[in-house]
Amino acid sequence: MATHDNMTIREAQQAVDDWIKQYGVRYFSELTNMACLTEEVGELARVMARRYGDQSFKEGECQDPSEEMADILWVLIALANQTGVDLTDALLRSIEKKTRRDSMRHKLNPKLAPQPDGRHDDR
């Protein structure tokens, strides 16, 4: 297995699989993991709304988006494992698709052009 500092997506998929088999007994059902993924995305949304939005944190609430992002990644990897998805291949295909489809789209989007003061239009 790779060191914790240098893990590929494939190695992450294997690490999650190993952990589940060693400590988790078995995978939760796909539908349970989908519900867990949705829950984790909601937890990230809460942190982002409080850190970057107008809400304030409640006492004792998680304030670390990296913790919530890691939880999302964990459940996504578990779902990929149990449905036979190689996330490395899927991500590479997604990058290729977006490049074909959007190679000029964002460059030509006036909403993304820098403003005279160096800021971007926030419309």
PDB file of N, CA and C in Angstrom:
ATOM      1  N   MET A   1       0.841  -1.179   0.000  1.00  0.00           N
ATOM      2  CA  MET A   1       0.000   0.000   0.000  1.00  0.00           C
ATOM      3  C   MET A   1       0.885   1.241   0.000  1.00  0.00           C
ATOM      4  N   ALA A   2       0.418   2.302  -0.594  1.00  0.00           N
ATOM      5  CA  ALA A   2       1.172   3.551  -0.665  1.00  0.00           C
ATOM      6  C   ALA A   2       1.247   4.203   0.709  1.00  0.00           C
ATOM      7  N   THR A   3       2.214   5.081   0.858  1.00  0.00           N
ATOM      8  CA  THR A   3       2.275   5.851   2.089  1.00  0.00           C
ATOM      9  C   THR A   3       1.069   6.776   2.131  1.00  0.00           C
ATOM     10  N   HIS A   4       0.772   7.280   3.290  1.00  0.00           N
ATOM     11  CA  HIS A   4      -0.383   8.172   3.429  1.00  0.00           C
ATOM     12  C   HIS A   4      -0.189   9.478   2.678  1.00  0.00           C
ATOM     13  N   ASP A   5       1.061   9.836   2.376  1.00  0.00           N
ATOM     14  CA  ASP A   5       1.332  11.087   1.681  1.00  0.00           C
ATOM     15  C   ASP A   5       1.172  10.982   0.171  1.00  0.00           C
ATOM     16  N   ASN A   6       1.127   9.768  -0.345  1.00  0.00           N
ATOM     17  CA  ASN A   6       1.174   9.600  -1.788  1.00  0.00           C
ATOM     18  C   ASN A   6       0.302   8.418  -2.189  1.00  0.00           C
ATOM     19  N   MET A   7      -1.010   8.609  -2.143  1.00  0.00           N
ATOM     20  CA  MET A   7      -1.942   7.522  -2.429  1.00  0.00           C
ATOM     21  C   MET A   7      -2.674   7.801  -3.731  1.00  0.00           C
ATOM     22  N   THR A   8      -2.662   6.840  -4.641  1.00  0.00           N
ATOM     23  CA  THR A   8      -3.434   6.982  -5.871  1.00  0.00           C
ATOM     24  C   THR A   8      -4.903   6.695  -5.571  1.00  0.00           C
ATOM     25  N   ILE A   9      -5.743   6.999  -6.525  1.00  0.00           N
ATOM     26  CA  ILE A   9      -7.170   6.699  -6.358  1.00  0.00           C
ATOM     27  C   ILE A   9      -7.368   5.188  -6.245  1.00  0.00           C
ATOM     28  N   ARG A  10      -6.672   4.426  -7.065  1.00  0.00           N
ATOM     29  CA  ARG A  10      -6.796   2.962  -6.988  1.00  0.00           C
ATOM     30  C   ARG A  10      -6.371   2.444  -5.619  1.00  0.00           C
ATOM     31  N   GLU A  11      -5.280   3.007  -5.094  1.00  0.00           N
ATOM     32  CA  GLU A  11      -4.825   2.589  -3.769  1.00  0.00           C
ATOM     33  C   GLU A  11      -5.831   2.990  -2.692  1.00  0.00           C
ATOM     34  N   ALA A  12      -6.478   4.140  -2.870  1.00  0.00           N
ATOM     35  CA  ALA A  12      -7.514   4.563  -1.931  1.00  0.00           C
ATOM     36  C   ALA A  12      -8.694   3.594  -1.981  1.00  0.00           C
ATOM     37  N   GLN A  13      -9.063   3.171  -3.182  1.00  0.00           N
ATOM     38  CA  GLN A  13     -10.154   2.198  -3.298  1.00  0.00           C
ATOM     39  C   GLN A  13      -9.782   0.907  -2.577  1.00  0.00           C
ATOM     40  N   GLN A  14      -8.548   0.478  -2.717  1.00  0.00           N
ATOM     41  CA  GLN A  14      -8.102  -0.746  -2.045  1.00  0.00           C
ATOM     42  C   GLN A  14      -8.056  -0.551  -0.530  1.00  0.00           C
ATOM     43  N   ALA A  15      -7.594   0.616  -0.072  1.00  0.00           N
ATOM     44  CA  ALA A  15      -7.508   0.890   1.362  1.00  0.00           C
ATOM     45  C   ALA A  15      -8.889   0.883   2.012  1.00  0.00           C
ATOM     46  N   VAL A  16      -9.875   1.489   1.354  1.00  0.00           N
ATOM     47  CA  VAL A  16     -11.237   1.485   1.882  1.00  0.00           C
ATOM     48  C   VAL A  16     -11.775   0.060   1.914  1.00  0.00           C
ATOM     49  N   ASP A  17     -11.545  -0.700   0.847  1.00  0.00           N
ATOM     50  CA  ASP A  17     -11.996  -2.088   0.802  1.00  0.00           C
ATOM     51  C   ASP A  17     -11.353  -2.905   1.920  1.00  0.00           C
ATOM     52  N   ASP A  18     -10.052  -2.734   2.105  1.00  0.00           N
ATOM     53  CA  ASP A  18      -9.344  -3.457   3.175  1.00  0.00           C
ATOM     54  C   ASP A  18      -9.914  -3.088   4.538  1.00  0.00           C
ATOM     55  N   TRP A  19     -10.152  -1.804   4.773  1.00  0.00           N
ATOM     56  CA  TRP A  19     -10.659  -1.358   6.068  1.00  0.00           C
ATOM     57  C   TRP A  19     -12.039  -1.942   6.335  1.00  0.00           C
ATOM     58  N   ILE A  20     -12.901  -1.871   5.316  1.00  0.00           N
ATOM     59  CA  ILE A  20     -14.261  -2.399   5.499  1.00  0.00           C
ATOM     60  C   ILE A  20     -14.216  -3.882   5.819  1.00  0.00           C
ATOM     61  N   LYS A  21     -13.390  -4.625   5.127  1.00  0.00           N
ATOM     62  CA  LYS A  21     -13.303  -6.074   5.372  1.00  0.00           C
ATOM     63  C   LYS A  21     -12.674  -6.387   6.721  1.00  0.00           C
ATOM     64  N   GLN A  22     -11.750  -5.533   7.184  1.00  0.00           N
ATOM     65  CA  GLN A  22     -11.087  -5.794   8.458  1.00  0.00           C
ATOM     66  C   GLN A  22     -11.892  -5.284   9.654  1.00  0.00           C
ATOM     67  N   TYR A  23     -12.458  -4.095   9.546  1.00  0.00           N
ATOM     68  CA  TYR A  23     -13.106  -3.466  10.688  1.00  0.00           C
ATOM     69  C   TYR A  23     -14.605  -3.260  10.532  1.00  0.00           C
ATOM     70  N   GLY A  24     -15.075  -3.154   9.328  1.00  0.00           N
ATOM     71  CA  GLY A  24     -16.468  -2.800   9.099  1.00  0.00           C
ATOM     72  C   GLY A  24     -17.396  -3.984   8.931  1.00  0.00           C
ATOM     73  N   VAL A  25     -16.878  -5.173   9.002  1.00  0.00           N
ATOM     74  CA  VAL A  25     -17.615  -6.428   8.837  1.00  0.00           C
ATOM     75  C   VAL A  25     -18.004  -6.651   7.385  1.00  0.00           C
ATOM     76  N   ARG A  26     -18.772  -5.713   6.814  1.00  0.00           N
ATOM     77  CA  ARG A  26     -19.165  -5.798   5.410  1.00  0.00           C
ATOM     78  C   ARG A  26     -19.582  -4.414   4.936  1.00  0.00           C
ATOM     79  N   TYR A  27     -19.753  -4.289   3.633  1.00  0.00           N
ATOM     80  CA  TYR A  27     -20.259  -3.036   3.068  1.00  0.00           C
ATOM     81  C   TYR A  27     -21.723  -2.874   3.473  1.00  0.00           C
ATOM     82  N   PHE A  28     -22.122  -1.621   3.746  1.00  0.00           N
ATOM     83  CA  PHE A  28     -23.543  -1.317   3.865  1.00  0.00           C
ATOM     84  C   PHE A  28     -24.145  -1.506   2.478  1.00  0.00           C
ATOM     85  N   SER A  29     -25.443  -1.623   2.385  1.00  0.00           N
ATOM     86  CA  SER A  29     -26.079  -1.740   1.073  1.00  0.00           C
ATOM     87  C   SER A  29     -25.808  -0.478   0.264  1.00  0.00           C
ATOM     88  N   GLU A  30     -25.940  -0.618  -1.041  1.00  0.00           N
ATOM     89  CA  GLU A  30     -25.721   0.520  -1.927  1.00  0.00           C
ATOM     90  C   GLU A  30     -26.661   1.676  -1.582  1.00  0.00           C
ATOM     91  N   LEU A  31     -27.912   1.367  -1.279  1.00  0.00           N
ATOM     92  CA  LEU A  31     -28.863   2.433  -0.947  1.00  0.00           C
ATOM     93  C   LEU A  31     -28.513   3.099   0.380  1.00  0.00           C
ATOM     94  N   THR A  32     -28.053   2.320   1.352  1.00  0.00           N
ATOM     95  CA  THR A  32     -27.614   2.906   2.618  1.00  0.00           C
ATOM     96  C   THR A  32     -26.422   3.813   2.385  1.00  0.00           C
ATOM     97  N   ASN A  33     -25.450   3.360   1.587  1.00  0.00           N
ATOM     98  CA  ASN A  33     -24.286   4.194   1.309  1.00  0.00           C
ATOM     99  C   ASN A  33     -24.669   5.447   0.522  1.00  0.00           C
ATOM    100  N   MET A  34     -25.658   5.340  -0.354  1.00  0.00           N
ATOM    101  CA  MET A  34     -26.119   6.535  -1.070  1.00  0.00           C
ATOM    102  C   MET A  34     -26.714   7.528  -0.080  1.00  0.00           C
ATOM    103  N   ALA A  35     -27.496   7.044   0.866  1.00  0.00           N
ATOM    104  CA  ALA A  35     -28.053   7.931   1.893  1.00  0.00           C
ATOM    105  C   ALA A  35     -26.936   8.533   2.747  1.00  0.00           C
ATOM    106  N   CYS A  36     -25.923   7.735   3.076  1.00  0.00           N
ATOM    107  CA  CYS A  36     -24.778   8.239   3.842  1.00  0.00           C
ATOM    108  C   CYS A  36     -24.029   9.316   3.059  1.00  0.00           C
ATOM    109  N   LEU A  37     -23.869   9.114   1.753  1.00  0.00           N
ATOM    110  CA  LEU A  37     -23.196  10.103   0.913  1.00  0.00           C
ATOM    111  C   LEU A  37     -23.964  11.421   0.930  1.00  0.00           C
ATOM    112  N   THR A  38     -25.266  11.333   0.806  1.00  0.00           N
ATOM    113  CA  THR A  38     -26.107  12.530   0.836  1.00  0.00           C
ATOM    114  C   THR A  38     -25.976  13.238   2.180  1.00  0.00           C
ATOM    115  N   GLU A  39     -25.958  12.474   3.253  1.00  0.00           N
ATOM    116  CA  GLU A  39     -25.789  13.049   4.590  1.00  0.00           C
ATOM    117  C   GLU A  39     -24.442  13.768   4.711  1.00  0.00           C
ATOM    118  N   GLU A  40     -23.393  13.151   4.211  1.00  0.00           N
ATOM    119  CA  GLU A  40     -22.057  13.756   4.304  1.00  0.00           C
ATOM    120  C   GLU A  40     -21.969  15.030   3.468  1.00  0.00           C
ATOM    121  N   VAL A  41     -22.601  15.046   2.296  1.00  0.00           N
ATOM    122  CA  VAL A  41     -22.621  16.259   1.476  1.00  0.00           C
ATOM    123  C   VAL A  41     -23.349  17.371   2.230  1.00  0.00           C
ATOM    124  N   GLY A  42     -24.418  17.025   2.928  1.00  0.00           N
ATOM    125  CA  GLY A  42     -25.130  18.013   3.741  1.00  0.00           C
ATOM    126  C   GLY A  42     -24.259  18.567   4.857  1.00  0.00           C
ATOM    127  N   GLU A  43     -23.444  17.711   5.460  1.00  0.00           N
ATOM    128  CA  GLU A  43     -22.547  18.167   6.521  1.00  0.00           C
ATOM    129  C   GLU A  43     -21.495  19.124   5.962  1.00  0.00           C
ATOM    130  N   LEU A  44     -20.985  18.846   4.760  1.00  0.00           N
ATOM    131  CA  LEU A  44     -20.049  19.777   4.121  1.00  0.00           C
ATOM    132  C   LEU A  44     -20.750  21.096   3.804  1.00  0.00           C
ATOM    133  N   ALA A  45     -21.977  21.017   3.316  1.00  0.00           N
ATOM    134  CA  ALA A  45     -22.735  22.232   3.004  1.00  0.00           C
ATOM    135  C   ALA A  45     -22.911  23.092   4.252  1.00  0.00           C
ATOM    136  N   ARG A  46     -23.161  22.457   5.395  1.00  0.00           N
ATOM    137  CA  ARG A  46     -23.320  23.204   6.642  1.00  0.00           C
ATOM    138  C   ARG A  46     -22.025  23.940   7.000  1.00  0.00           C
ATOM    139  N   VAL A  47     -20.882  23.237   6.914  1.00  0.00           N
ATOM    140  CA  VAL A  47     -19.597  23.873   7.221  1.00  0.00           C
ATOM    141  C   VAL A  47     -19.336  25.036   6.266  1.00  0.00           C
ATOM    142  N   MET A  48     -19.588  24.829   4.981  1.00  0.00           N
ATOM    143  CA  MET A  48     -19.324  25.873   3.983  1.00  0.00           C
ATOM    144  C   MET A  48     -20.230  27.083   4.211  1.00  0.00           C
ATOM    145  N   ALA A  49     -21.504  26.842   4.548  1.00  0.00           N
ATOM    146  CA  ALA A  49     -22.440  27.942   4.795  1.00  0.00           C
ATOM    147  C   ALA A  49     -22.006  28.773   5.993  1.00  0.00           C
ATOM    148  N   ARG A  50     -21.436  28.102   6.988  1.00  0.00           N
ATOM    149  CA  ARG A  50     -21.019  28.826   8.181  1.00  0.00           C
ATOM    150  C   ARG A  50     -19.659  29.501   7.997  1.00  0.00           C
ATOM    151  N   ARG A  51     -18.755  28.829   7.298  1.00  0.00           N
ATOM    152  CA  ARG A  51     -17.410  29.395   7.131  1.00  0.00           C
ATOM    153  C   ARG A  51     -17.389  30.491   6.071  1.00  0.00           C
ATOM    154  N   TYR A  52     -18.067  30.269   4.941  1.00  0.00           N
ATOM    155  CA  TYR A  52     -17.986  31.203   3.818  1.00  0.00           C
ATOM    156  C   TYR A  52     -19.277  31.972   3.571  1.00  0.00           C
ATOM    157  N   GLY A  53     -20.344  31.542   4.212  1.00  0.00           N
ATOM    158  CA  GLY A  53     -21.637  32.201   4.038  1.00  0.00           C
ATOM    159  C   GLY A  53     -21.972  33.087   5.220  1.00  0.00           C
ATOM    160  N   ASP A  54     -23.241  33.308   5.402  1.00  0.00           N
ATOM    161  CA  ASP A  54     -23.705  34.266   6.394  1.00  0.00           C
ATOM    162  C   ASP A  54     -24.030  33.646   7.748  1.00  0.00           C
ATOM    163  N   GLN A  55     -24.028  32.326   7.850  1.00  0.00           N
ATOM    164  CA  GLN A  55     -24.350  31.700   9.130  1.00  0.00           C
ATOM    165  C   GLN A  55     -23.123  31.625  10.025  1.00  0.00           C
ATOM    166  N   SER A  56     -23.358  31.478  11.310  1.00  0.00           N
ATOM    167  CA  SER A  56     -22.262  31.310  12.271  1.00  0.00           C
ATOM    168  C   SER A  56     -22.287  29.871  12.799  1.00  0.00           C
ATOM    169  N   PHE A  57     -21.143  29.428  13.302  1.00  0.00           N
ATOM    170  CA  PHE A  57     -21.043  28.087  13.848  1.00  0.00           C
ATOM    171  C   PHE A  57     -21.737  28.014  15.199  1.00  0.00           C
ATOM    172  N   LYS A  58     -22.309  26.856  15.467  1.00  0.00           N
ATOM    173  CA  LYS A  58     -22.853  26.573  16.795  1.00  0.00           C
ATOM    174  C   LYS A  58     -21.720  25.996  17.630  1.00  0.00           C
ATOM    175  N   GLU A  59     -21.825  26.135  18.927  1.00  0.00           N
ATOM    176  CA  GLU A  59     -20.795  25.613  19.809  1.00  0.00           C
ATOM    177  C   GLU A  59     -20.637  24.100  19.616  1.00  0.00           C
ATOM    178  N   GLY A  60     -19.381  23.674  19.436  1.00  0.00           N
ATOM    179  CA  GLY A  60     -19.081  22.246  19.293  1.00  0.00           C
ATOM    180  C   GLY A  60     -19.244  21.691  17.895  1.00  0.00           C
ATOM    181  N   GLU A  61     -19.678  22.515  16.961  1.00  0.00           N
ATOM    182  CA  GLU A  61     -19.911  22.065  15.591  1.00  0.00           C
ATOM    183  C   GLU A  61     -18.589  21.913  14.840  1.00  0.00           C
ATOM    184  N   CYS A  62     -18.490  20.901  13.988  1.00  0.00           N
ATOM    185  CA  CYS A  62     -17.307  20.715  13.151  1.00  0.00           C
ATOM    186  C   CYS A  62     -17.134  21.941  12.267  1.00  0.00           C
ATOM    187  N   GLN A  63     -15.904  22.472  12.250  1.00  0.00           N
ATOM    188  CA  GLN A  63     -15.612  23.648  11.434  1.00  0.00           C
ATOM    189  C   GLN A  63     -14.617  23.343  10.320  1.00  0.00           C
ATOM    190  N   ASP A  64     -14.262  22.091  10.152  1.00  0.00           N
ATOM    191  CA  ASP A  64     -13.200  21.698   9.227  1.00  0.00           C
ATOM    192  C   ASP A  64     -13.789  21.085   7.961  1.00  0.00           C
ATOM    193  N   PRO A  65     -13.764  21.831   6.840  1.00  0.00           N
ATOM    194  CA  PRO A  65     -14.317  21.252   5.611  1.00  0.00           C
ATOM    195  C   PRO A  65     -13.543  20.024   5.145  1.00  0.00           C
ATOM    196  N   SER A  66     -12.244  19.943   5.467  1.00  0.00           N
ATOM    197  CA  SER A  66     -11.470  18.788   5.001  1.00  0.00           C
ATOM    198  C   SER A  66     -11.988  17.491   5.614  1.00  0.00           C
ATOM    199  N   GLU A  67     -12.440  17.559   6.849  1.00  0.00           N
ATOM    200  CA  GLU A  67     -12.997  16.370   7.501  1.00  0.00           C
ATOM    201  C   GLU A  67     -14.251  15.896   6.767  1.00  0.00           C
ATOM    202  N   GLU A  68     -15.105  16.835   6.407  1.00  0.00           N
ATOM    203  CA  GLU A  68     -16.339  16.474   5.702  1.00  0.00           C
ATOM    204  C   GLU A  68     -16.044  16.011   4.279  1.00  0.00           C
ATOM    205  N   MET A  69     -15.074  16.649   3.617  1.00  0.00           N
ATOM    206  CA  MET A  69     -14.701  16.215   2.264  1.00  0.00           C
ATOM    207  C   MET A  69     -14.144  14.799   2.288  1.00  0.00           C
ATOM    208  N   ALA A  70     -13.334  14.486   3.295  1.00  0.00           N
ATOM    209  CA  ALA A  70     -12.782  13.134   3.412  1.00  0.00           C
ATOM    210  C   ALA A  70     -13.891  12.116   3.652  1.00  0.00           C
ATOM    211  N   ASP A  71     -14.890  12.483   4.450  1.00  0.00           N
ATOM    212  CA  ASP A  71     -16.017  11.575   4.680  1.00  0.00           C
ATOM    213  C   ASP A  71     -16.782  11.318   3.385  1.00  0.00           C
ATOM    214  N   ILE A  72     -16.960  12.365   2.577  1.00  0.00           N
ATOM    215  CA  ILE A  72     -17.626  12.212   1.283  1.00  0.00           C
ATOM    216  C   ILE A  72     -16.822  11.276   0.385  1.00  0.00           C
ATOM    217  N   LEU A  73     -15.514  11.502   0.332  1.00  0.00           N
ATOM    218  CA  LEU A  73     -14.646  10.671  -0.503  1.00  0.00           C
ATOM    219  C   LEU A  73     -14.707   9.215  -0.058  1.00  0.00           C
ATOM    220  N   TRP A  74     -14.681   8.979   1.244  1.00  0.00           N
ATOM    221  CA  TRP A  74     -14.752   7.615   1.791  1.00  0.00           C
ATOM    222  C   TRP A  74     -16.011   6.895   1.291  1.00  0.00           C
ATOM    223  N   VAL A  75     -17.155   7.529   1.464  1.00  0.00           N
ATOM    224  CA  VAL A  75     -18.416   6.878   1.077  1.00  0.00           C
ATOM    225  C   VAL A  75     -18.493   6.726  -0.439  1.00  0.00           C
ATOM    226  N   LEU A  76     -18.020   7.717  -1.191  1.00  0.00           N
ATOM    227  CA  LEU A  76     -18.006   7.607  -2.652  1.00  0.00           C
ATOM    228  C   LEU A  76     -17.143   6.432  -3.091  1.00  0.00           C
ATOM    229  N   ILE A  77     -15.987   6.280  -2.455  1.00  0.00           N
ATOM    230  CA  ILE A  77     -15.109   5.151  -2.776  1.00  0.00           C
ATOM    231  C   ILE A  77     -15.788   3.839  -2.434  1.00  0.00           C
ATOM    232  N   ALA A  78     -16.457   3.775  -1.298  1.00  0.00           N
ATOM    233  CA  ALA A  78     -17.174   2.549  -0.929  1.00  0.00           C
ATOM    234  C   ALA A  78     -18.232   2.218  -1.979  1.00  0.00           C
ATOM    235  N   LEU A  79     -18.988   3.218  -2.415  1.00  0.00           N
ATOM    236  CA  LEU A  79     -19.992   2.992  -3.465  1.00  0.00           C
ATOM    237  C   LEU A  79     -19.352   2.514  -4.759  1.00  0.00           C
ATOM    238  N   ALA A  80     -18.236   3.113  -5.123  1.00  0.00           N
ATOM    239  CA  ALA A  80     -17.534   2.687  -6.335  1.00  0.00           C
ATOM    240  C   ALA A  80     -17.092   1.236  -6.209  1.00  0.00           C
ATOM    241  N   ASN A  81     -16.522   0.899  -5.073  1.00  0.00           N
ATOM    242  CA  ASN A  81     -16.061  -0.478  -4.864  1.00  0.00           C
ATOM    243  C   ASN A  81     -17.196  -1.471  -5.001  1.00  0.00           C
ATOM    244  N   GLN A  82     -18.297  -1.193  -4.360  1.00  0.00           N
ATOM    245  CA  GLN A  82     -19.367  -2.188  -4.347  1.00  0.00           C
ATOM    246  C   GLN A  82     -20.161  -2.233  -5.639  1.00  0.00           C
ATOM    247  N   THR A  83     -19.981  -1.244  -6.511  1.00  0.00           N
ATOM    248  CA  THR A  83     -20.676  -1.272  -7.803  1.00  0.00           C
ATOM    249  C   THR A  83     -19.720  -1.530  -8.964  1.00  0.00           C
ATOM    250  N   GLY A  84     -18.456  -1.822  -8.638  1.00  0.00           N
ATOM    251  CA  GLY A  84     -17.494  -2.199  -9.663  1.00  0.00           C
ATOM    252  C   GLY A  84     -16.964  -1.041 -10.493  1.00  0.00           C
ATOM    253  N   VAL A  85     -16.968   0.164  -9.948  1.00  0.00           N
ATOM    254  CA  VAL A  85     -16.480   1.332 -10.679  1.00  0.00           C
ATOM    255  C   VAL A  85     -15.014   1.567 -10.337  1.00  0.00           C
ATOM    256  N   ASP A  86     -14.180   1.665 -11.364  1.00  0.00           N
ATOM    257  CA  ASP A  86     -12.792   2.060 -11.195  1.00  0.00           C
ATOM    258  C   ASP A  86     -12.772   3.581 -11.289  1.00  0.00           C
ATOM    259  N   LEU A  87     -12.607   4.247 -10.147  1.00  0.00           N
ATOM    260  CA  LEU A  87     -12.694   5.703 -10.121  1.00  0.00           C
ATOM    261  C   LEU A  87     -11.586   6.384 -10.917  1.00  0.00           C
ATOM    262  N   THR A  88     -10.422   5.759 -11.022  1.00  0.00           N
ATOM    263  CA  THR A  88      -9.353   6.338 -11.835  1.00  0.00           C
ATOM    264  C   THR A  88      -9.798   6.428 -13.286  1.00  0.00           C
ATOM    265  N   ASP A  89     -10.283   5.324 -13.826  1.00  0.00           N
ATOM    266  CA  ASP A  89     -10.759   5.320 -15.211  1.00  0.00           C
ATOM    267  C   ASP A  89     -11.939   6.275 -15.399  1.00  0.00           C
ATOM    268  N   ALA A  90     -12.865   6.265 -14.443  1.00  0.00           N
ATOM    269  CA  ALA A  90     -14.043   7.128 -14.551  1.00  0.00           C
ATOM    270  C   ALA A  90     -13.646   8.601 -14.544  1.00  0.00           C
ATOM    271  N   LEU A  91     -12.705   8.974 -13.673  1.00  0.00           N
ATOM    272  CA  LEU A  91     -12.271  10.366 -13.613  1.00  0.00           C
ATOM    273  C   LEU A  91     -11.555  10.774 -14.901  1.00  0.00           C
ATOM    274  N   LEU A  92     -10.706   9.907 -15.412  1.00  0.00           N
ATOM    275  CA  LEU A  92     -10.012  10.225 -16.671  1.00  0.00           C
ATOM    276  C   LEU A  92     -11.008  10.404 -17.814  1.00  0.00           C
ATOM    277  N   ARG A  93     -12.028   9.558 -17.875  1.00  0.00           N
ATOM    278  CA  ARG A  93     -13.065   9.697 -18.909  1.00  0.00           C
ATOM    279  C   ARG A  93     -13.819  11.015 -18.736  1.00  0.00           C
ATOM    280  N   SER A  94     -14.089  11.389 -17.487  1.00  0.00           N
ATOM    281  CA  SER A  94     -14.805  12.636 -17.216  1.00  0.00           C
ATOM    282  C   SER A  94     -13.981  13.847 -17.645  1.00  0.00           C
ATOM    283  N   ILE A  95     -12.681  13.823 -17.364  1.00  0.00           N
ATOM    284  CA  ILE A  95     -11.807  14.925 -17.774  1.00  0.00           C
ATOM    285  C   ILE A  95     -11.791  15.039 -19.294  1.00  0.00           C
ATOM    286  N   GLU A  96     -11.683  13.903 -19.989  1.00  0.00           N
ATOM    287  CA  GLU A  96     -11.694  13.916 -21.454  1.00  0.00           C
ATOM    288  C   GLU A  96     -13.008  14.471 -21.984  1.00  0.00           C
ATOM    289  N   LYS A  97     -14.124  14.047 -21.409  1.00  0.00           N
ATOM    290  CA  LYS A  97     -15.445  14.516 -21.840  1.00  0.00           C
ATOM    291  C   LYS A  97     -15.574  16.018 -21.642  1.00  0.00           C
ATOM    292  N   LYS A  98     -15.186  16.500 -20.477  1.00  0.00           N
ATOM    293  CA  LYS A  98     -15.293  17.933 -20.198  1.00  0.00           C
ATOM    294  C   LYS A  98     -14.372  18.742 -21.110  1.00  0.00           C
ATOM    295  N   THR A  99     -13.203  18.202 -21.429  1.00  0.00           N
ATOM    296  CA  THR A  99     -12.272  18.899 -22.321  1.00  0.00           C
ATOM    297  C   THR A  99     -12.873  19.011 -23.717  1.00  0.00           C
ATOM    298  N   ARG A 100     -13.448  17.916 -24.223  1.00  0.00           N
ATOM    299  CA  ARG A 100     -14.081  17.962 -25.544  1.00  0.00           C
ATOM    300  C   ARG A 100     -15.249  18.944 -25.557  1.00  0.00           C
ATOM    301  N   ARG A 101     -16.066  18.876 -24.540  1.00  0.00           N
ATOM    302  CA  ARG A 101     -17.290  19.664 -24.497  1.00  0.00           C
ATOM    303  C   ARG A 101     -17.034  21.130 -24.152  1.00  0.00           C
ATOM    304  N   ASP A 102     -16.104  21.387 -23.254  1.00  0.00           N
ATOM    305  CA  ASP A 102     -15.983  22.721 -22.669  1.00  0.00           C
ATOM    306  C   ASP A 102     -14.639  23.400 -22.913  1.00  0.00           C
ATOM    307  N   SER A 103     -13.878  22.950 -23.909  1.00  0.00           N
ATOM    308  CA  SER A 103     -12.528  23.484 -24.080  1.00  0.00           C
ATOM    309  C   SER A 103     -12.519  24.999 -24.274  1.00  0.00           C
ATOM    310  N   MET A 104     -13.546  25.564 -24.866  1.00  0.00           N
ATOM    311  CA  MET A 104     -13.598  27.019 -25.058  1.00  0.00           C
ATOM    312  C   MET A 104     -14.763  27.667 -24.303  1.00  0.00           C
ATOM    313  N   ARG A 105     -15.690  26.870 -23.825  1.00  0.00           N
ATOM    314  CA  ARG A 105     -16.917  27.405 -23.217  1.00  0.00           C
ATOM    315  C   ARG A 105     -16.624  28.383 -22.081  1.00  0.00           C
ATOM    316  N   HIS A 106     -15.779  28.006 -21.153  1.00  0.00           N
ATOM    317  CA  HIS A 106     -15.519  28.858 -19.998  1.00  0.00           C
ATOM    318  C   HIS A 106     -14.627  30.053 -20.365  1.00  0.00           C
ATOM    319  N   LYS A 107     -13.719  29.846 -21.299  1.00  0.00           N
ATOM    320  CA  LYS A 107     -12.866  30.949 -21.747  1.00  0.00           C
ATOM    321  C   LYS A 107     -13.696  32.038 -22.420  1.00  0.00           C
ATOM    322  N   LEU A 108     -14.782  31.644 -23.073  1.00  0.00           N
ATOM    323  CA  LEU A 108     -15.627  32.594 -23.785  1.00  0.00           C
ATOM    324  C   LEU A 108     -16.770  33.136 -22.924  1.00  0.00           C
ATOM    325  N   ASN A 109     -16.869  32.708 -21.695  1.00  0.00           N
ATOM    326  CA  ASN A 109     -17.955  33.125 -20.812  1.00  0.00           C
ATOM    327  C   ASN A 109     -17.627  34.499 -20.224  1.00  0.00           C
ATOM    328  N   PRO A 110     -18.378  35.531 -20.591  1.00  0.00           N
ATOM    329  CA  PRO A 110     -18.077  36.873 -20.083  1.00  0.00           C
ATOM    330  C   PRO A 110     -18.236  36.974 -18.566  1.00  0.00           C
ATOM    331  N   LYS A 111     -19.017  36.097 -17.969  1.00  0.00           N
ATOM    332  CA  LYS A 111     -19.194  36.119 -16.516  1.00  0.00           C
ATOM    333  C   LYS A 111     -17.917  35.722 -15.781  1.00  0.00           C
ATOM    334  N   LEU A 112     -17.019  35.036 -16.465  1.00  0.00           N
ATOM    335  CA  LEU A 112     -15.781  34.590 -15.838  1.00  0.00           C
ATOM    336  C   LEU A 112     -14.600  35.506 -16.133  1.00  0.00           C
ATOM    337  N   ALA A 113     -14.818  36.520 -16.959  1.00  0.00           N
ATOM    338  CA  ALA A 113     -13.731  37.443 -17.321  1.00  0.00           C
ATOM    339  C   ALA A 113     -13.348  38.291 -16.114  1.00  0.00           C
ATOM    340  N   PRO A 114     -12.063  38.520 -15.924  1.00  0.00           N
ATOM    341  CA  PRO A 114     -11.639  39.402 -14.828  1.00  0.00           C
ATOM    342  C   PRO A 114     -12.190  40.809 -15.032  1.00  0.00           C
ATOM    343  N   GLN A 115     -12.530  41.438 -13.943  1.00  0.00           N
ATOM    344  CA  GLN A 115     -13.013  42.818 -13.966  1.00  0.00           C
ATOM    345  C   GLN A 115     -11.806  43.760 -13.924  1.00  0.00           C
ATOM    346  N   PRO A 116     -11.986  45.023 -14.259  1.00  0.00           N
ATOM    347  CA  PRO A 116     -10.858  45.973 -14.245  1.00  0.00           C
ATOM    348  C   PRO A 116     -10.127  46.018 -12.903  1.00  0.00           C
ATOM    349  N   ASP A 117     -10.859  45.755 -11.798  1.00  0.00           N
ATOM    350  CA  ASP A 117     -10.211  45.784 -10.487  1.00  0.00           C
ATOM    351  C   ASP A 117      -9.578  44.438 -10.130  1.00  0.00           C
ATOM    352  N   GLY A 118      -9.572  43.489 -11.089  1.00  0.00           N
ATOM    353  CA  GLY A 118      -8.958  42.178 -10.866  1.00  0.00           C
ATOM    354  C   GLY A 118      -9.912  41.149 -10.293  1.00  0.00           C
ATOM    355  N   ARG A 119     -11.108  41.569  -9.936  1.00  0.00           N
ATOM    356  CA  ARG A 119     -12.108  40.645  -9.390  1.00  0.00           C
ATOM    357  C   ARG A 119     -12.898  40.006 -10.530  1.00  0.00           C
ATOM    358  N   HIS A 120     -13.684  39.029 -10.206  1.00  0.00           N
ATOM    359  CA  HIS A 120     -14.563  38.380 -11.176  1.00  0.00           C
ATOM    360  C   HIS A 120     -15.997  38.794 -10.900  1.00  0.00           C
ATOM    361  N   ASP A 121     -16.779  38.774 -11.957  1.00  0.00           N
ATOM    362  CA  ASP A 121     -18.203  39.079 -11.841  1.00  0.00           C
ATOM    363  C   ASP A 121     -18.855  37.984 -11.008  1.00  0.00           C
ATOM    364  N   ASP A 122     -19.573  38.335  -9.967  1.00  0.00           N
ATOM    365  CA  ASP A 122     -20.196  37.346  -9.083  1.00  0.00           C
ATOM    366  C   ASP A 122     -21.677  37.153  -9.374  1.00  0.00           C
ATOM    367  N   ARG A 123     -22.107  37.461 -10.572  1.00  0.00           N
ATOM    368  CA  ARG A 123     -23.526  37.288 -10.887  1.00  0.00           C
ATOM    369  C   ARG A 123     -23.967  35.881 -10.703  1.00  0.00           C
TER     370      ARG A 123
END
